[in-house]
Amino acid sequence: MKHRSHLSQKQRKARSQLAKIVHEKGFVRGTIITMSRVCGNPNCRCAKGQKHVSLYLSRSEGGKPRLLFIPKRYEELVNGWVESYRSIKELLEVFSLDLWDGIKQRRFD
């Protein structure tokens, strides 16, 4: 890996943004999904068609989908972590493409 002073402007900016996300915000890989369900109580509104709506964090582990229920009080926090993960992936791509261009142009220093 190059020393920071040898990084391109794009790489320095991406690295700075990555560090900020990792150290200040937190991140999680997954997708937020909304599910509607019936609780089973015959006297509940969901028995009359107004289903309960809940958010879940979905991700694949070993090729199998996994779901985690997200309590209402944590929805905004978990949404932010998912967005941070997406941002990290985009920033890594910026860094990677800049290095790719350097390799293509035979710039290795």
PDB file of N, CA and C in Angstrom:
ATOM      1  N   MET A   1       0.838  -1.192   0.000  1.00  0.00           N
ATOM      2  CA  MET A   1       0.000   0.000   0.000  1.00  0.00           C
ATOM      3  C   MET A   1       0.871   1.240   0.000  1.00  0.00           C
ATOM      4  N   LYS A   2       0.457   2.192  -0.760  1.00  0.00           N
ATOM      5  CA  LYS A   2       1.188   3.456  -0.826  1.00  0.00           C
ATOM      6  C   LYS A   2       1.052   4.227   0.483  1.00  0.00           C
ATOM      7  N   HIS A   3       2.056   5.040   0.752  1.00  0.00           N
ATOM      8  CA  HIS A   3       1.957   5.968   1.874  1.00  0.00           C
ATOM      9  C   HIS A   3       0.908   7.009   1.509  1.00  0.00           C
ATOM     10  N   ARG A   4       0.243   7.564   2.502  1.00  0.00           N
ATOM     11  CA  ARG A   4      -0.827   8.533   2.246  1.00  0.00           C
ATOM     12  C   ARG A   4      -0.420   9.674   1.329  1.00  0.00           C
ATOM     13  N   SER A   5       0.818  10.135   1.435  1.00  0.00           N
ATOM     14  CA  SER A   5       1.253  11.256   0.609  1.00  0.00           C
ATOM     15  C   SER A   5       1.339  10.880  -0.866  1.00  0.00           C
ATOM     16  N   HIS A   6       1.370   9.584  -1.163  1.00  0.00           N
ATOM     17  CA  HIS A   6       1.429   9.127  -2.550  1.00  0.00           C
ATOM     18  C   HIS A   6       0.050   8.795  -3.114  1.00  0.00           C
ATOM     19  N   LEU A   7      -0.979   8.942  -2.307  1.00  0.00           N
ATOM     20  CA  LEU A   7      -2.326   8.659  -2.782  1.00  0.00           C
ATOM     21  C   LEU A   7      -2.813   9.802  -3.665  1.00  0.00           C
ATOM     22  N   SER A   8      -3.640   9.458  -4.625  1.00  0.00           N
ATOM     23  CA  SER A   8      -4.230  10.495  -5.471  1.00  0.00           C
ATOM     24  C   SER A   8      -5.249  11.285  -4.652  1.00  0.00           C
ATOM     25  N   GLN A   9      -5.666  12.406  -5.190  1.00  0.00           N
ATOM     26  CA  GLN A   9      -6.674  13.247  -4.531  1.00  0.00           C
ATOM     27  C   GLN A   9      -7.953  12.438  -4.302  1.00  0.00           C
ATOM     28  N   LYS A  10      -8.377  11.671  -5.307  1.00  0.00           N
ATOM     29  CA  LYS A  10      -9.586  10.842  -5.184  1.00  0.00           C
ATOM     30  C   LYS A  10      -9.433   9.833  -4.054  1.00  0.00           C
ATOM     31  N   GLN A  11      -8.260   9.200  -3.989  1.00  0.00           N
ATOM     32  CA  GLN A  11      -8.022   8.185  -2.969  1.00  0.00           C
ATOM     33  C   GLN A  11      -8.008   8.799  -1.569  1.00  0.00           C
ATOM     34  N   ARG A  12      -7.383   9.949  -1.424  1.00  0.00           N
ATOM     35  CA  ARG A  12      -7.349  10.611  -0.109  1.00  0.00           C
ATOM     36  C   ARG A  12      -8.760  10.983   0.353  1.00  0.00           C
ATOM     37  N   LYS A  13      -9.542  11.517  -0.567  1.00  0.00           N
ATOM     38  CA  LYS A  13     -10.914  11.908  -0.227  1.00  0.00           C
ATOM     39  C   LYS A  13     -11.746  10.682   0.157  1.00  0.00           C
ATOM     40  N   ALA A  14     -11.652   9.621  -0.645  1.00  0.00           N
ATOM     41  CA  ALA A  14     -12.403   8.399  -0.359  1.00  0.00           C
ATOM     42  C   ALA A  14     -11.962   7.796   0.970  1.00  0.00           C
ATOM     43  N   ARG A  15     -10.666   7.774   1.216  1.00  0.00           N
ATOM     44  CA  ARG A  15     -10.129   7.212   2.462  1.00  0.00           C
ATOM     45  C   ARG A  15     -10.629   8.010   3.673  1.00  0.00           C
ATOM     46  N   SER A  16     -10.655   9.310   3.556  1.00  0.00           N
ATOM     47  CA  SER A  16     -11.129  10.171   4.631  1.00  0.00           C
ATOM     48  C   SER A  16     -12.610   9.907   4.923  1.00  0.00           C
ATOM     49  N   GLN A  17     -13.398   9.818   3.869  1.00  0.00           N
ATOM     50  CA  GLN A  17     -14.826   9.560   4.042  1.00  0.00           C
ATOM     51  C   GLN A  17     -15.063   8.174   4.633  1.00  0.00           C
ATOM     52  N   LEU A  18     -14.288   7.188   4.190  1.00  0.00           N
ATOM     53  CA  LEU A  18     -14.396   5.831   4.740  1.00  0.00           C
ATOM     54  C   LEU A  18     -14.101   5.823   6.233  1.00  0.00           C
ATOM     55  N   ALA A  19     -13.017   6.472   6.618  1.00  0.00           N
ATOM     56  CA  ALA A  19     -12.623   6.512   8.027  1.00  0.00           C
ATOM     57  C   ALA A  19     -13.711   7.154   8.881  1.00  0.00           C
ATOM     58  N   LYS A  20     -14.295   8.209   8.370  1.00  0.00           N
ATOM     59  CA  LYS A  20     -15.346   8.905   9.113  1.00  0.00           C
ATOM     60  C   LYS A  20     -16.544   7.995   9.340  1.00  0.00           C
ATOM     61  N   ILE A  21     -16.973   7.299   8.309  1.00  0.00           N
ATOM     62  CA  ILE A  21     -18.115   6.396   8.435  1.00  0.00           C
ATOM     63  C   ILE A  21     -17.806   5.271   9.425  1.00  0.00           C
ATOM     64  N   VAL A  22     -16.656   4.649   9.258  1.00  0.00           N
ATOM     65  CA  VAL A  22     -16.294   3.508  10.101  1.00  0.00           C
ATOM     66  C   VAL A  22     -16.167   3.915  11.567  1.00  0.00           C
ATOM     67  N   HIS A  23     -15.550   5.048  11.828  1.00  0.00           N
ATOM     68  CA  HIS A  23     -15.286   5.444  13.202  1.00  0.00           C
ATOM     69  C   HIS A  23     -16.423   6.198  13.885  1.00  0.00           C
ATOM     70  N   GLU A  24     -17.280   6.838  13.103  1.00  0.00           N
ATOM     71  CA  GLU A  24     -18.295   7.688  13.719  1.00  0.00           C
ATOM     72  C   GLU A  24     -19.729   7.181  13.576  1.00  0.00           C
ATOM     73  N   LYS A  25     -20.007   6.433  12.525  1.00  0.00           N
ATOM     74  CA  LYS A  25     -21.402   6.101  12.255  1.00  0.00           C
ATOM     75  C   LYS A  25     -21.755   4.641  12.493  1.00  0.00           C
ATOM     76  N   GLY A  26     -20.878   3.737  12.163  1.00  0.00           N
ATOM     77  CA  GLY A  26     -21.217   2.321  12.211  1.00  0.00           C
ATOM     78  C   GLY A  26     -21.882   1.905  10.906  1.00  0.00           C
ATOM     79  N   PHE A  27     -21.902   0.607  10.651  1.00  0.00           N
ATOM     80  CA  PHE A  27     -22.463   0.115   9.398  1.00  0.00           C
ATOM     81  C   PHE A  27     -22.866  -1.344   9.551  1.00  0.00           C
ATOM     82  N   VAL A  28     -23.787  -1.762   8.699  1.00  0.00           N
ATOM     83  CA  VAL A  28     -24.219  -3.155   8.683  1.00  0.00           C
ATOM     84  C   VAL A  28     -24.615  -3.512   7.252  1.00  0.00           C
ATOM     85  N   ARG A  29     -24.234  -4.726   6.834  1.00  0.00           N
ATOM     86  CA  ARG A  29     -24.633  -5.210   5.508  1.00  0.00           C
ATOM     87  C   ARG A  29     -26.018  -5.819   5.612  1.00  0.00           C
ATOM     88  N   GLY A  30     -26.892  -5.378   4.750  1.00  0.00           N
ATOM     89  CA  GLY A  30     -28.241  -5.914   4.733  1.00  0.00           C
ATOM     90  C   GLY A  30     -29.176  -4.995   3.982  1.00  0.00           C
ATOM     91  N   THR A  31     -30.401  -5.444   3.878  1.00  0.00           N
ATOM     92  CA  THR A  31     -31.442  -4.690   3.206  1.00  0.00           C
ATOM     93  C   THR A  31     -32.620  -4.577   4.158  1.00  0.00           C
ATOM     94  N   ILE A  32     -33.198  -3.406   4.222  1.00  0.00           N
ATOM     95  CA  ILE A  32     -34.389  -3.205   5.048  1.00  0.00           C
ATOM     96  C   ILE A  32     -35.605  -3.632   4.225  1.00  0.00           C
ATOM     97  N   ILE A  33     -36.399  -4.510   4.808  1.00  0.00           N
ATOM     98  CA  ILE A  33     -37.625  -4.931   4.121  1.00  0.00           C
ATOM     99  C   ILE A  33     -38.816  -4.700   5.040  1.00  0.00           C
ATOM    100  N   THR A  34     -39.958  -4.449   4.431  1.00  0.00           N
ATOM    101  CA  THR A  34     -41.209  -4.245   5.157  1.00  0.00           C
ATOM    102  C   THR A  34     -42.068  -5.477   4.983  1.00  0.00           C
ATOM    103  N   MET A  35     -42.591  -5.959   6.088  1.00  0.00           N
ATOM    104  CA  MET A  35     -43.468  -7.128   6.029  1.00  0.00           C
ATOM    105  C   MET A  35     -44.772  -6.811   6.740  1.00  0.00           C
ATOM    106  N   SER A  36     -45.857  -7.306   6.181  1.00  0.00           N
ATOM    107  CA  SER A  36     -47.176  -7.173   6.797  1.00  0.00           C
ATOM    108  C   SER A  36     -47.567  -8.545   7.324  1.00  0.00           C
ATOM    109  N   ARG A  37     -48.150  -8.547   8.529  1.00  0.00           N
ATOM    110  CA  ARG A  37     -48.478  -9.840   9.117  1.00  0.00           C
ATOM    111  C   ARG A  37     -49.760  -9.760   9.941  1.00  0.00           C
ATOM    112  N   VAL A  38     -50.288 -10.933  10.239  1.00  0.00           N
ATOM    113  CA  VAL A  38     -51.454 -11.086  11.090  1.00  0.00           C
ATOM    114  C   VAL A  38     -50.965 -11.720  12.388  1.00  0.00           C
ATOM    115  N   CYS A  39     -51.375 -11.162  13.525  1.00  0.00           N
ATOM    116  CA  CYS A  39     -50.868 -11.652  14.808  1.00  0.00           C
ATOM    117  C   CYS A  39     -51.595 -12.900  15.313  1.00  0.00           C
ATOM    118  N   GLY A  40     -52.790 -13.139  14.838  1.00  0.00           N
ATOM    119  CA  GLY A  40     -53.523 -14.326  15.275  1.00  0.00           C
ATOM    120  C   GLY A  40     -54.641 -14.030  16.262  1.00  0.00           C
ATOM    121  N   ASN A  41     -54.676 -12.843  16.829  1.00  0.00           N
ATOM    122  CA  ASN A  41     -55.736 -12.463  17.753  1.00  0.00           C
ATOM    123  C   ASN A  41     -57.003 -12.189  16.938  1.00  0.00           C
ATOM    124  N   PRO A  42     -58.054 -12.946  17.167  1.00  0.00           N
ATOM    125  CA  PRO A  42     -59.270 -12.752  16.356  1.00  0.00           C
ATOM    126  C   PRO A  42     -59.945 -11.395  16.565  1.00  0.00           C
ATOM    127  N   ASN A  43     -59.665 -10.717  17.682  1.00  0.00           N
ATOM    128  CA  ASN A  43     -60.272  -9.408  17.957  1.00  0.00           C
ATOM    129  C   ASN A  43     -59.406  -8.244  17.487  1.00  0.00           C
ATOM    130  N   CYS A  44     -58.227  -8.522  16.939  1.00  0.00           N
ATOM    131  CA  CYS A  44     -57.301  -7.473  16.504  1.00  0.00           C
ATOM    132  C   CYS A  44     -57.724  -6.909  15.149  1.00  0.00           C
ATOM    133  N   ARG A  45     -57.290  -5.692  14.882  1.00  0.00           N
ATOM    134  CA  ARG A  45     -57.582  -5.029  13.601  1.00  0.00           C
ATOM    135  C   ARG A  45     -57.016  -5.806  12.421  1.00  0.00           C
ATOM    136  N   CYS A  46     -55.929  -6.567  12.664  1.00  0.00           N
ATOM    137  CA  CYS A  46     -55.319  -7.316  11.557  1.00  0.00           C
ATOM    138  C   CYS A  46     -56.234  -8.439  11.079  1.00  0.00           C
ATOM    139  N   ALA A  47     -57.131  -8.922  11.945  1.00  0.00           N
ATOM    140  CA  ALA A  47     -58.091  -9.957  11.550  1.00  0.00           C
ATOM    141  C   ALA A  47     -59.125  -9.397  10.587  1.00  0.00           C
ATOM    142  N   LYS A  48     -59.251  -8.079  10.584  1.00  0.00           N
ATOM    143  CA  LYS A  48     -60.207  -7.406   9.692  1.00  0.00           C
ATOM    144  C   LYS A  48     -59.525  -6.836   8.454  1.00  0.00           C
ATOM    145  N   GLY A  49     -58.235  -7.174   8.256  1.00  0.00           N
ATOM    146  CA  GLY A  49     -57.540  -6.758   7.045  1.00  0.00           C
ATOM    147  C   GLY A  49     -56.467  -5.701   7.224  1.00  0.00           C
ATOM    148  N   GLN A  50     -56.418  -5.030   8.378  1.00  0.00           N
ATOM    149  CA  GLN A  50     -55.393  -4.011   8.625  1.00  0.00           C
ATOM    150  C   GLN A  50     -54.185  -4.679   9.284  1.00  0.00           C
ATOM    151  N   LYS A  51     -53.334  -5.241   8.463  1.00  0.00           N
ATOM    152  CA  LYS A  51     -52.206  -6.018   8.972  1.00  0.00           C
ATOM    153  C   LYS A  51     -51.181  -5.146   9.696  1.00  0.00           C
ATOM    154  N   HIS A  52     -50.434  -5.772  10.608  1.00  0.00           N
ATOM    155  CA  HIS A  52     -49.331  -5.115  11.305  1.00  0.00           C
ATOM    156  C   HIS A  52     -48.159  -4.996  10.338  1.00  0.00           C
ATOM    157  N   VAL A  53     -47.538  -3.835  10.290  1.00  0.00           N
ATOM    158  CA  VAL A  53     -46.406  -3.606   9.402  1.00  0.00           C
ATOM    159  C   VAL A  53     -45.143  -3.501  10.258  1.00  0.00           C
ATOM    160  N   SER A  54     -44.124  -4.273   9.903  1.00  0.00           N
ATOM    161  CA  SER A  54     -42.870  -4.290  10.648  1.00  0.00           C
ATOM    162  C   SER A  54     -41.699  -4.232   9.679  1.00  0.00           C
ATOM    163  N   LEU A  55     -40.580  -3.689  10.170  1.00  0.00           N
ATOM    164  CA  LEU A  55     -39.354  -3.669   9.378  1.00  0.00           C
ATOM    165  C   LEU A  55     -38.439  -4.794   9.844  1.00  0.00           C
ATOM    166  N   TYR A  56     -37.724  -5.358   8.869  1.00  0.00           N
ATOM    167  CA  TYR A  56     -36.759  -6.414   9.137  1.00  0.00           C
ATOM    168  C   TYR A  56     -35.464  -6.097   8.395  1.00  0.00           C
ATOM    169  N   LEU A  57     -34.375  -6.538   8.967  1.00  0.00           N
ATOM    170  CA  LEU A  57     -33.079  -6.456   8.301  1.00  0.00           C
ATOM    171  C   LEU A  57     -32.842  -7.815   7.680  1.00  0.00           C
ATOM    172  N   SER A  58     -32.616  -7.823   6.382  1.00  0.00           N
ATOM    173  CA  SER A  58     -32.420  -9.067   5.640  1.00  0.00           C
ATOM    174  C   SER A  58     -31.004  -9.133   5.105  1.00  0.00           C
ATOM    175  N   ARG A  59     -30.409 -10.327   5.182  1.00  0.00           N
ATOM    176  CA  ARG A  59     -29.097 -10.553   4.585  1.00  0.00           C
ATOM    177  C   ARG A  59     -28.945 -12.043   4.318  1.00  0.00           C
ATOM    178  N   SER A  60     -28.073 -12.349   3.417  1.00  0.00           N
ATOM    179  CA  SER A  60     -27.816 -13.740   3.067  1.00  0.00           C
ATOM    180  C   SER A  60     -26.580 -14.218   3.824  1.00  0.00           C
ATOM    181  N   GLU A  61     -26.674 -15.375   4.429  1.00  0.00           N
ATOM    182  CA  GLU A  61     -25.548 -16.000   5.121  1.00  0.00           C
ATOM    183  C   GLU A  61     -25.440 -17.433   4.621  1.00  0.00           C
ATOM    184  N   GLY A  62     -24.334 -17.721   3.954  1.00  0.00           N
ATOM    185  CA  GLY A  62     -24.149 -19.064   3.413  1.00  0.00           C
ATOM    186  C   GLY A  62     -25.204 -19.433   2.389  1.00  0.00           C
ATOM    187  N   GLY A  63     -25.682 -18.445   1.648  1.00  0.00           N
ATOM    188  CA  GLY A  63     -26.684 -18.689   0.620  1.00  0.00           C
ATOM    189  C   GLY A  63     -28.107 -18.761   1.152  1.00  0.00           C
ATOM    190  N   LYS A  64     -28.277 -18.596   2.446  1.00  0.00           N
ATOM    191  CA  LYS A  64     -29.613 -18.659   3.041  1.00  0.00           C
ATOM    192  C   LYS A  64     -30.006 -17.276   3.557  1.00  0.00           C
ATOM    193  N   PRO A  65     -31.249 -16.875   3.291  1.00  0.00           N
ATOM    194  CA  PRO A  65     -31.690 -15.569   3.776  1.00  0.00           C
ATOM    195  C   PRO A  65     -31.894 -15.583   5.296  1.00  0.00           C
ATOM    196  N   ARG A  66     -31.517 -14.512   5.942  1.00  0.00           N
ATOM    197  CA  ARG A  66     -31.694 -14.340   7.382  1.00  0.00           C
ATOM    198  C   ARG A  66     -32.434 -13.037   7.607  1.00  0.00           C
ATOM    199  N   LEU A  67     -33.376 -13.045   8.525  1.00  0.00           N
ATOM    200  CA  LEU A  67     -34.155 -11.856   8.841  1.00  0.00           C
ATOM    201  C   LEU A  67     -34.031 -11.543  10.323  1.00  0.00           C
ATOM    202  N   LEU A  68     -33.898 -10.261  10.626  1.00  0.00           N
ATOM    203  CA  LEU A  68     -33.909  -9.787  12.014  1.00  0.00           C
ATOM    204  C   LEU A  68     -34.986  -8.720  12.134  1.00  0.00           C
ATOM    205  N   PHE A  69     -35.872  -8.894  13.087  1.00  0.00           N
ATOM    206  CA  PHE A  69     -36.894  -7.892  13.359  1.00  0.00           C
ATOM    207  C   PHE A  69     -36.220  -6.632  13.895  1.00  0.00           C
ATOM    208  N   ILE A  70     -36.667  -5.464  13.419  1.00  0.00           N
ATOM    209  CA  ILE A  70     -36.139  -4.186  13.892  1.00  0.00           C
ATOM    210  C   ILE A  70     -37.241  -3.495  14.695  1.00  0.00           C
ATOM    211  N   PRO A  71     -37.060  -3.371  16.012  1.00  0.00           N
ATOM    212  CA  PRO A  71     -38.058  -2.646  16.813  1.00  0.00           C
ATOM    213  C   PRO A  71     -38.195  -1.201  16.321  1.00  0.00           C
ATOM    214  N   LYS A  72     -39.391  -0.650  16.450  1.00  0.00           N
ATOM    215  CA  LYS A  72     -39.671   0.712  15.969  1.00  0.00           C
ATOM    216  C   LYS A  72     -38.631   1.715  16.446  1.00  0.00           C
ATOM    217  N   ARG A  73     -38.218   1.633  17.700  1.00  0.00           N
ATOM    218  CA  ARG A  73     -37.298   2.635  18.255  1.00  0.00           C
ATOM    219  C   ARG A  73     -35.904   2.571  17.634  1.00  0.00           C
ATOM    220  N   TYR A  74     -35.584   1.479  16.913  1.00  0.00           N
ATOM    221  CA  TYR A  74     -34.274   1.335  16.282  1.00  0.00           C
ATOM    222  C   TYR A  74     -34.312   1.453  14.759  1.00  0.00           C
ATOM    223  N   GLU A  75     -35.490   1.676  14.187  1.00  0.00           N
ATOM    224  CA  GLU A  75     -35.620   1.711  12.729  1.00  0.00           C
ATOM    225  C   GLU A  75     -34.706   2.758  12.094  1.00  0.00           C
ATOM    226  N   GLU A  76     -34.710   3.970  12.609  1.00  0.00           N
ATOM    227  CA  GLU A  76     -33.903   5.046  12.035  1.00  0.00           C
ATOM    228  C   GLU A  76     -32.406   4.734  12.166  1.00  0.00           C
ATOM    229  N   LEU A  77     -32.001   4.219  13.308  1.00  0.00           N
ATOM    230  CA  LEU A  77     -30.600   3.872  13.548  1.00  0.00           C
ATOM    231  C   LEU A  77     -30.121   2.787  12.580  1.00  0.00           C
ATOM    232  N   VAL A  78     -30.899   1.719  12.456  1.00  0.00           N
ATOM    233  CA  VAL A  78     -30.516   0.606  11.578  1.00  0.00           C
ATOM    234  C   VAL A  78     -30.531   1.048  10.120  1.00  0.00           C
ATOM    235  N   ASN A  79     -31.511   1.863   9.742  1.00  0.00           N
ATOM    236  CA  ASN A  79     -31.541   2.418   8.378  1.00  0.00           C
ATOM    237  C   ASN A  79     -30.252   3.187   8.087  1.00  0.00           C
ATOM    238  N   GLY A  80     -29.794   3.965   9.050  1.00  0.00           N
ATOM    239  CA  GLY A  80     -28.552   4.716   8.887  1.00  0.00           C
ATOM    240  C   GLY A  80     -27.352   3.800   8.712  1.00  0.00           C
ATOM    241  N   TRP A  81     -27.311   2.704   9.471  1.00  0.00           N
ATOM    242  CA  TRP A  81     -26.200   1.753   9.334  1.00  0.00           C
ATOM    243  C   TRP A  81     -26.198   1.090   7.956  1.00  0.00           C
ATOM    244  N   VAL A  82     -27.387   0.763   7.449  1.00  0.00           N
ATOM    245  CA  VAL A  82     -27.488   0.160   6.110  1.00  0.00           C
ATOM    246  C   VAL A  82     -27.013   1.159   5.058  1.00  0.00           C
ATOM    247  N   GLU A  83     -27.417   2.420   5.189  1.00  0.00           N
ATOM    248  CA  GLU A  83     -26.973   3.457   4.252  1.00  0.00           C
ATOM    249  C   GLU A  83     -25.466   3.664   4.343  1.00  0.00           C
ATOM    250  N   SER A  84     -24.914   3.606   5.542  1.00  0.00           N
ATOM    251  CA  SER A  84     -23.462   3.729   5.709  1.00  0.00           C
ATOM    252  C   SER A  84     -22.738   2.604   4.979  1.00  0.00           C
ATOM    253  N   TYR A  85     -23.272   1.398   5.057  1.00  0.00           N
ATOM    254  CA  TYR A  85     -22.650   0.266   4.369  1.00  0.00           C
ATOM    255  C   TYR A  85     -22.656   0.501   2.858  1.00  0.00           C
ATOM    256  N   ARG A  86     -23.768   1.007   2.342  1.00  0.00           N
ATOM    257  CA  ARG A  86     -23.851   1.312   0.899  1.00  0.00           C
ATOM    258  C   ARG A  86     -22.822   2.370   0.517  1.00  0.00           C
ATOM    259  N   SER A  87     -22.680   3.387   1.359  1.00  0.00           N
ATOM    260  CA  SER A  87     -21.691   4.434   1.105  1.00  0.00           C
ATOM    261  C   SER A  87     -20.279   3.868   1.100  1.00  0.00           C
ATOM    262  N   ILE A  88     -19.996   2.973   2.024  1.00  0.00           N
ATOM    263  CA  ILE A  88     -18.674   2.340   2.097  1.00  0.00           C
ATOM    264  C   ILE A  88     -18.387   1.585   0.802  1.00  0.00           C
ATOM    265  N   LYS A  89     -19.371   0.835   0.317  1.00  0.00           N
ATOM    266  CA  LYS A  89     -19.180   0.094  -0.939  1.00  0.00           C
ATOM    267  C   LYS A  89     -18.893   1.045  -2.098  1.00  0.00           C
ATOM    268  N   GLU A  90     -19.598   2.158  -2.149  1.00  0.00           N
ATOM    269  CA  GLU A  90     -19.375   3.141  -3.221  1.00  0.00           C
ATOM    270  C   GLU A  90     -17.986   3.763  -3.115  1.00  0.00           C
ATOM    271  N   LEU A  91     -17.564   4.088  -1.898  1.00  0.00           N
ATOM    272  CA  LEU A  91     -16.242   4.687  -1.702  1.00  0.00           C
ATOM    273  C   LEU A  91     -15.130   3.700  -2.028  1.00  0.00           C
ATOM    274  N   LEU A  92     -15.304   2.450  -1.682  1.00  0.00           N
ATOM    275  CA  LEU A  92     -14.318   1.428  -2.038  1.00  0.00           C
ATOM    276  C   LEU A  92     -14.213   1.291  -3.558  1.00  0.00           C
ATOM    277  N   GLU A  93     -15.328   1.425  -4.232  1.00  0.00           N
ATOM    278  CA  GLU A  93     -15.308   1.354  -5.692  1.00  0.00           C
ATOM    279  C   GLU A  93     -14.546   2.532  -6.284  1.00  0.00           C
ATOM    280  N   VAL A  94     -14.715   3.731  -5.718  1.00  0.00           N
ATOM    281  CA  VAL A  94     -13.962   4.916  -6.173  1.00  0.00           C
ATOM    282  C   VAL A  94     -12.472   4.647  -6.014  1.00  0.00           C
ATOM    283  N   PHE A  95     -12.075   4.170  -4.855  1.00  0.00           N
ATOM    284  CA  PHE A  95     -10.675   3.872  -4.558  1.00  0.00           C
ATOM    285  C   PHE A  95     -10.154   2.818  -5.539  1.00  0.00           C
ATOM    286  N   SER A  96     -10.920   1.753  -5.728  1.00  0.00           N
ATOM    287  CA  SER A  96     -10.520   0.658  -6.610  1.00  0.00           C
ATOM    288  C   SER A  96     -10.381   1.125  -8.062  1.00  0.00           C
ATOM    289  N   LEU A  97     -11.328   1.914  -8.533  1.00  0.00           N
ATOM    290  CA  LEU A  97     -11.262   2.395  -9.921  1.00  0.00           C
ATOM    291  C   LEU A  97     -10.056   3.295 -10.139  1.00  0.00           C
ATOM    292  N   ASP A  98      -9.725   4.115  -9.142  1.00  0.00           N
ATOM    293  CA  ASP A  98      -8.558   4.978  -9.267  1.00  0.00           C
ATOM    294  C   ASP A  98      -7.279   4.131  -9.355  1.00  0.00           C
ATOM    295  N   LEU A  99      -7.194   3.093  -8.533  1.00  0.00           N
ATOM    296  CA  LEU A  99      -6.041   2.188  -8.610  1.00  0.00           C
ATOM    297  C   LEU A  99      -6.024   1.426  -9.936  1.00  0.00           C
ATOM    298  N   TRP A 100      -7.194   1.024 -10.391  1.00  0.00           N
ATOM    299  CA  TRP A 100      -7.316   0.332 -11.680  1.00  0.00           C
ATOM    300  C   TRP A 100      -6.741   1.208 -12.797  1.00  0.00           C
ATOM    301  N   ASP A 101      -7.139   2.487 -12.787  1.00  0.00           N
ATOM    302  CA  ASP A 101      -6.632   3.420 -13.803  1.00  0.00           C
ATOM    303  C   ASP A 101      -5.112   3.558 -13.710  1.00  0.00           C
ATOM    304  N   GLY A 102      -4.596   3.583 -12.487  1.00  0.00           N
ATOM    305  CA  GLY A 102      -3.151   3.673 -12.300  1.00  0.00           C
ATOM    306  C   GLY A 102      -2.424   2.460 -12.857  1.00  0.00           C
ATOM    307  N   ILE A 103      -2.986   1.299 -12.639  1.00  0.00           N
ATOM    308  CA  ILE A 103      -2.386   0.067 -13.179  1.00  0.00           C
ATOM    309  C   ILE A 103      -2.436   0.093 -14.700  1.00  0.00           C
ATOM    310  N   LYS A 104      -3.567   0.520 -15.234  1.00  0.00           N
ATOM    311  CA  LYS A 104      -3.728   0.603 -16.687  1.00  0.00           C
ATOM    312  C   LYS A 104      -2.691   1.529 -17.305  1.00  0.00           C
ATOM    313  N   GLN A 105      -2.391   2.614 -16.613  1.00  0.00           N
ATOM    314  CA  GLN A 105      -1.426   3.600 -17.121  1.00  0.00           C
ATOM    315  C   GLN A 105       0.006   3.305 -16.648  1.00  0.00           C
ATOM    316  N   ARG A 106       0.152   2.172 -15.971  1.00  0.00           N
ATOM    317  CA  ARG A 106       1.474   1.735 -15.462  1.00  0.00           C
ATOM    318  C   ARG A 106       2.067   2.712 -14.473  1.00  0.00           C
ATOM    319  N   ARG A 107       1.193   3.333 -13.654  1.00  0.00           N
ATOM    320  CA  ARG A 107       1.638   4.211 -12.566  1.00  0.00           C
ATOM    321  C   ARG A 107       1.611   3.383 -11.295  1.00  0.00           C
ATOM    322  N   PHE A 108       2.781   2.962 -10.827  1.00  0.00           N
ATOM    323  CA  PHE A 108       2.827   2.138  -9.629  1.00  0.00           C
ATOM    324  C   PHE A 108       3.493   2.837  -8.454  1.00  0.00           C
ATOM    325  N   ASP A 109       3.831   4.093  -8.590  1.00  0.00           N
ATOM    326  CA  ASP A 109       4.465   4.804  -7.482  1.00  0.00           C
ATOM    327  C   ASP A 109       3.616   5.950  -7.009  1.00  0.00           C
TER     328      ASP A 109
END
